Amino acid sequence: MISLQVFYEGRVQGVGFRFTVRHIATGFDVTGWVRNLPDGRVELQVTGDEDELRAFLDQVAQSELHSLIREQTENKLNEPVVARGFEIRHD
């Protein structure tokens, strides 16, 4: 199991980005959350088997969101993401 923090930059707020990511997550065995940031980026934190997690991130990148993402930055987390399933956070 690995945990990642992913930041998406581009036209990623106000376009249903978080809802689409949550919908994509339902097809994968991952847990985590996604939220908007005040600086215009979207933050995703997710935990899962590495192959499953990579397949999930690939699906996000290849979805209709592809044209909205200008940059994607990943950081490995030392602790698993605390979440029930996959959530949209509003904090």
C-alpha atoms as a PDB file:
ATOM      1  CA  MET A   1       0.000   0.000   0.000  1.00  0.00           C
ATOM      2  CA  ILE A   2       1.149   3.501  -0.801  1.00  0.00           C
ATOM      3  CA  SER A   3      -0.283   6.940  -0.134  1.00  0.00           C
ATOM      4  CA  LEU A   4       0.069   9.939  -2.408  1.00  0.00           C
ATOM      5  CA  GLN A   5      -0.762  13.610  -2.331  1.00  0.00           C
ATOM      6  CA  VAL A   6      -1.472  14.978  -5.812  1.00  0.00           C
ATOM      7  CA  PHE A   7      -1.929  18.632  -6.744  1.00  0.00           C
ATOM      8  CA  TYR A   8      -3.719  19.518  -9.984  1.00  0.00           C
ATOM      9  CA  GLU A   9      -3.254  22.937 -11.569  1.00  0.00           C
ATOM     10  CA  GLY A  10      -5.112  24.442 -14.489  1.00  0.00           C
ATOM     11  CA  ARG A  11      -8.830  25.084 -14.955  1.00  0.00           C
ATOM     12  CA  VAL A  12      -9.701  22.647 -12.191  1.00  0.00           C
ATOM     13  CA  GLN A  13     -12.210  24.545 -10.035  1.00  0.00           C
ATOM     14  CA  GLY A  14     -15.833  25.252 -10.895  1.00  0.00           C
ATOM     15  CA  VAL A  15     -15.911  22.564 -13.610  1.00  0.00           C
ATOM     16  CA  GLY A  16     -17.009  19.455 -11.666  1.00  0.00           C
ATOM     17  CA  PHE A  17     -13.424  18.256 -11.219  1.00  0.00           C
ATOM     18  CA  ARG A  18     -13.889  16.894  -7.680  1.00  0.00           C
ATOM     19  CA  PHE A  19     -17.140  15.137  -8.540  1.00  0.00           C
ATOM     20  CA  THR A  20     -15.577  13.492 -11.581  1.00  0.00           C
ATOM     21  CA  VAL A  21     -12.572  12.325  -9.540  1.00  0.00           C
ATOM     22  CA  ARG A  22     -14.910  10.877  -6.888  1.00  0.00           C
ATOM     23  CA  HIS A  23     -16.923   9.090  -9.595  1.00  0.00           C
ATOM     24  CA  ILE A  24     -13.755   7.621 -11.137  1.00  0.00           C
ATOM     25  CA  ALA A  25     -12.611   6.471  -7.673  1.00  0.00           C
ATOM     26  CA  THR A  26     -15.717   4.278  -7.300  1.00  0.00           C
ATOM     27  CA  GLY A  27     -14.241   1.936  -9.913  1.00  0.00           C
ATOM     28  CA  PHE A  28     -11.029   1.389  -7.959  1.00  0.00           C
ATOM     29  CA  ASP A  29     -10.040  -0.065  -4.597  1.00  0.00           C
ATOM     30  CA  VAL A  30      -8.663   3.202  -3.200  1.00  0.00           C
ATOM     31  CA  THR A  31      -9.540   5.415  -0.250  1.00  0.00           C
ATOM     32  CA  GLY A  32      -8.995   9.113   0.056  1.00  0.00           C
ATOM     33  CA  TRP A  33     -10.374  12.541  -0.605  1.00  0.00           C
ATOM     34  CA  VAL A  34     -10.262  15.503  -2.970  1.00  0.00           C
ATOM     35  CA  ARG A  35     -10.720  19.217  -2.212  1.00  0.00           C
ATOM     36  CA  ASN A  36     -10.366  22.683  -3.723  1.00  0.00           C
ATOM     37  CA  LEU A  37      -7.560  24.883  -2.429  1.00  0.00           C
ATOM     38  CA  PRO A  38      -7.767  28.684  -1.998  1.00  0.00           C
ATOM     39  CA  ASP A  39      -4.964  29.161  -4.566  1.00  0.00           C
ATOM     40  CA  GLY A  40      -7.026  27.611  -7.389  1.00  0.00           C
ATOM     41  CA  ARG A  41      -5.489  24.129  -7.298  1.00  0.00           C
ATOM     42  CA  VAL A  42      -7.188  20.861  -6.401  1.00  0.00           C
ATOM     43  CA  GLU A  43      -5.586  18.533  -3.837  1.00  0.00           C
ATOM     44  CA  LEU A  44      -6.079  14.771  -3.895  1.00  0.00           C
ATOM     45  CA  GLN A  45      -4.873  12.410  -1.170  1.00  0.00           C
ATOM     46  CA  VAL A  46      -5.269   8.709  -1.842  1.00  0.00           C
ATOM     47  CA  THR A  47      -4.158   5.338  -0.451  1.00  0.00           C
ATOM     48  CA  GLY A  48      -4.178   1.969  -2.186  1.00  0.00           C
ATOM     49  CA  ASP A  49      -2.184  -0.844  -3.699  1.00  0.00           C
ATOM     50  CA  GLU A  50       0.414   0.781  -5.954  1.00  0.00           C
ATOM     51  CA  ASP A  51      -0.891  -0.777  -9.186  1.00  0.00           C
ATOM     52  CA  GLU A  52      -4.492   0.095  -8.317  1.00  0.00           C
ATOM     53  CA  LEU A  53      -3.534   3.630  -7.321  1.00  0.00           C
ATOM     54  CA  ARG A  54      -1.568   4.178 -10.546  1.00  0.00           C
ATOM     55  CA  ALA A  55      -4.479   2.842 -12.618  1.00  0.00           C
ATOM     56  CA  PHE A  56      -6.817   5.271 -10.814  1.00  0.00           C
ATOM     57  CA  LEU A  57      -4.506   8.252 -11.442  1.00  0.00           C
ATOM     58  CA  ASP A  58      -4.089   7.207 -15.092  1.00  0.00           C
ATOM     59  CA  GLN A  59      -7.871   7.080 -15.473  1.00  0.00           C
ATOM     60  CA  VAL A  60      -8.177  10.593 -14.015  1.00  0.00           C
ATOM     61  CA  ALA A  61      -5.491  11.847 -16.416  1.00  0.00           C
ATOM     62  CA  GLN A  62      -7.176  10.188 -19.428  1.00  0.00           C
ATOM     63  CA  SER A  63     -10.726  11.284 -18.541  1.00  0.00           C
ATOM     64  CA  GLU A  64     -12.544  14.383 -19.783  1.00  0.00           C
ATOM     65  CA  LEU A  65     -10.536  16.264 -17.117  1.00  0.00           C
ATOM     66  CA  HIS A  66      -7.394  15.860 -19.239  1.00  0.00           C
ATOM     67  CA  SER A  67      -7.892  19.129 -21.117  1.00  0.00           C
ATOM     68  CA  LEU A  68      -8.371  21.049 -17.843  1.00  0.00           C
ATOM     69  CA  ILE A  69      -5.151  19.882 -16.159  1.00  0.00           C
ATOM     70  CA  ARG A  70      -2.091  22.008 -16.892  1.00  0.00           C
ATOM     71  CA  GLU A  71       0.175  20.392 -14.305  1.00  0.00           C
ATOM     72  CA  GLN A  72       0.060  17.445 -11.897  1.00  0.00           C
ATOM     73  CA  THR A  73       2.486  17.183  -8.962  1.00  0.00           C
ATOM     74  CA  GLU A  74       2.832  14.085  -6.753  1.00  0.00           C
ATOM     75  CA  ASN A  75       4.270  13.671  -3.270  1.00  0.00           C
ATOM     76  CA  LYS A  76       4.564  10.373  -1.431  1.00  0.00           C
ATOM     77  CA  LEU A  77       2.971  10.394   2.044  1.00  0.00           C
ATOM     78  CA  ASN A  78       4.389   8.473   4.999  1.00  0.00           C
ATOM     79  CA  GLU A  79       0.994   7.767   6.592  1.00  0.00           C
ATOM     80  CA  PRO A  80      -2.161   6.276   5.045  1.00  0.00           C
ATOM     81  CA  VAL A  81      -4.899   8.747   4.165  1.00  0.00           C
ATOM     82  CA  VAL A  82      -7.710   8.750   6.730  1.00  0.00           C
ATOM     83  CA  ALA A  83     -11.045   8.555   4.895  1.00  0.00           C
ATOM     84  CA  ARG A  84     -14.199   6.475   4.646  1.00  0.00           C
ATOM     85  CA  GLY A  85     -14.214   5.378   1.040  1.00  0.00           C
ATOM     86  CA  PHE A  86     -13.537   8.332  -1.231  1.00  0.00           C
ATOM     87  CA  GLU A  87     -14.830  11.741  -0.224  1.00  0.00           C
ATOM     88  CA  ILE A  88     -15.075  15.319  -1.374  1.00  0.00           C
ATOM     89  CA  ARG A  89     -13.793  17.511   1.423  1.00  0.00           C
ATOM     90  CA  HIS A  90     -14.898  21.100   1.947  1.00  0.00           C
ATOM     91  CA  ASP A  91     -12.265  22.320   4.409  1.00  0.00           C
END
